Structures are given as structure tokens and as C-alpha cells.
Protein backbone atom coordinates (compact mmCIF):
# COMPACT_ATOMS: atom_id res chain seq x y z
CA MET A 1 15.05 -2.75 16.58
CA PRO A 2 11.35 -3.02 17.27
CA SER A 3 10.71 0.53 16.44
CA THR A 4 12.34 0.06 13.08
CA ILE A 5 10.28 -3.16 12.35
CA SER A 6 7.11 -1.28 13.21
CA LYS A 7 7.94 1.54 10.64
CA LEU A 8 8.77 -0.75 7.81
CA LEU A 9 5.32 -2.49 8.63
CA ALA A 10 3.61 0.54 9.04
CA PRO A 11 2.16 0.52 5.46
CA ALA A 12 1.01 -2.95 5.91
CA ILE A 13 -0.61 -2.23 9.38
CA TYR A 14 -2.81 0.61 7.61
CA ILE A 15 -3.69 -1.88 5.09
CA GLN A 16 -5.02 -4.69 7.69
CA LEU A 17 -6.91 -2.08 9.78
CA ALA A 18 -8.82 -0.49 6.54
CA ARG A 19 -9.41 -3.94 5.63
CA THR A 20 -10.69 -5.65 8.77
CA ASP A 21 -11.43 -2.60 10.99
CA ALA A 22 -9.94 -4.66 13.87
CA ILE A 23 -6.95 -3.74 15.79
CA ALA A 24 -5.95 -7.48 16.66
CA ALA A 25 -5.89 -8.04 12.56
CA CYS A 26 -3.10 -5.38 12.86
CA LEU A 27 -0.76 -7.92 15.12
CA ARG A 28 -0.77 -10.69 12.68
CA LEU A 29 2.59 -10.81 11.68
CA GLY A 30 2.28 -13.34 9.34
CA GLU A 31 -0.46 -11.38 7.02
CA LEU A 32 1.41 -8.09 7.71
CA TRP A 33 4.43 -9.58 5.66
CA GLY A 34 2.14 -11.32 3.17
CA ILE A 35 0.80 -7.50 2.31
CA ALA A 36 4.38 -6.34 2.46
CA LYS A 37 5.39 -9.41 0.11
CA SER A 38 2.70 -9.12 -2.56
CA ASN A 39 3.78 -5.75 -4.07
CA PRO A 40 7.60 -5.02 -2.86
CA GLY A 41 8.47 -2.05 -5.47
CA ASP A 42 5.27 0.01 -4.38
CA TYR A 43 5.66 -1.05 -0.93
CA ILE A 44 9.36 0.08 -0.74
CA LEU A 45 8.64 3.31 -2.54
CA SER A 46 5.70 4.45 -0.35
CA ILE A 47 8.12 4.01 2.85
CA VAL A 48 10.98 5.82 1.36
CA VAL A 49 8.78 8.73 -0.05
CA LEU A 50 7.42 9.15 3.40
CA ILE A 51 10.48 9.09 4.87
CA ALA A 52 12.19 11.75 2.67
CA ALA A 53 9.15 13.89 2.99
CA SER A 54 9.81 14.02 6.55
CA ILE A 55 13.03 14.86 6.35
CA VAL A 56 12.45 17.61 4.18
CA ILE A 57 9.57 18.81 6.43
CA SER A 58 12.18 18.64 9.40
CA VAL A 59 15.02 20.57 7.50
CA VAL A 60 12.47 23.49 6.47
CA ALA A 61 11.18 23.64 10.25
CA GLY A 62 14.79 23.84 11.32
CA VAL A 63 15.66 26.41 9.43
CA ILE A 64 12.82 28.08 10.24
CA ASN A 65 13.16 27.74 13.67
CA ILE A 66 16.51 29.58 13.96
CA ILE A 67 14.59 32.74 14.20
CA PRO A 68 13.63 33.39 17.98
CA CYS A 69 10.11 33.61 18.65
CA VAL A 70 8.55 34.15 15.53
CA GLY A 71 10.24 30.86 13.99
CA GLN A 72 8.60 28.78 16.66
CA ILE A 73 5.27 30.27 15.63
CA VAL A 74 5.79 29.81 12.29
CA THR A 75 6.80 26.44 12.32
CA LEU A 76 4.09 25.18 14.93
CA ALA A 77 1.50 27.03 11.86
CA LEU A 78 3.52 25.19 9.31
CA GLY A 79 3.10 21.71 11.03
CA PHE A 80 -0.74 22.29 11.10
CA LEU A 81 -0.83 23.24 7.66
CA ILE A 82 1.54 20.36 6.37
CA LEU A 83 0.51 17.42 8.55
CA PRO A 84 -3.00 16.64 6.66
CA ASP A 85 -1.13 16.86 3.58
CA LEU A 86 1.15 14.28 4.58
CA GLN A 87 -1.57 12.14 5.87
CA VAL A 88 -2.89 12.04 2.44
CA LEU A 89 -0.03 11.59 0.59
CA ALA A 90 0.60 8.65 2.86
CA GLY A 91 -2.97 7.37 2.27
CA ALA A 92 -2.53 7.80 -1.42
CA LEU A 93 0.94 5.72 -1.53
CA ILE A 94 -0.11 3.06 1.03
CA ARG A 95 -3.44 2.52 -1.36
CA THR A 96 -1.03 1.65 -4.37
CA VAL A 97 0.22 -1.31 -1.99
CA ARG A 98 -2.83 -4.10 -2.69
CA PRO A 99 -2.28 -7.92 -1.00
CA PRO A 100 -2.75 -10.35 -3.77
CA GLY A 101 -6.25 -11.13 -5.20
CA LEU A 102 -7.55 -7.58 -5.04
CA THR A 103 -8.33 -5.32 -7.90
CA ARG A 104 -8.45 -1.85 -7.70
CA ASP A 105 -12.01 -2.01 -6.61
CA SER A 106 -12.79 -5.14 -4.84
CA GLU A 107 -12.70 -4.12 -1.35
CA TYR A 108 -11.66 -0.75 -1.06
CA ALA A 109 -13.82 2.28 -1.19
CA PRO A 110 -12.69 5.15 -3.12
CA LEU A 111 -11.04 8.27 -1.65
CA PHE A 112 -12.38 10.89 -3.80
């Protein structure tokens, strides 16, 4: 159960850490819940897209991993190549979720 809650609050935790640069702020559940409630559609969409991307990557890796030795090497190489892209996707999706009162440029620096 705690693992599920932490996965659901992960985008809010990333936002809180980016805003405050303090790990202690990531433990304030009231503020995290406020971030999650501020824009529930985008918040849920970011979680669903990341879960779907993880499932697709797992299925592809499982199919490739059937090939002895070569499959494991290819899976490892693909993991190193896909992980940065998945992190960029996560950052872009999480960036769409903003706490109330923040405009697009008020507190966040542009990524690109």
C-alpha cells in the first residue's frame, strides 16, 4: 500500500522538490495532495502515460530477452538508450501539472 501511494504521489514529489530544493518539503503530504488536486486531469494523464510507457518497454524487453545471450545484451543496451528518453517524457508530463496560482513562467525555468 505505501508503495502504491508513493507511486501516485511521485509527480507531486518531483514538483515539490523542483520548487523548494528541499527533500523535507517532499514529505509534507498536505502540500503534495494539494498539487495533485490542483489539476487532476493532467496529473492522472501523466501517471497513466508513464505506466503505459513502462509496460511497453517491459514487453519489448521481455520479447527480445528470449534470445539467449544476444537478447540480454540488446536489452541492456536498449535500457541505457530508452531510460533518458523516458525521464524526459516524465519531466515534460510532470511540468504540465502546476500548483494553483502559478503561471507557465512564474517559477519554473524552461527546459529547452
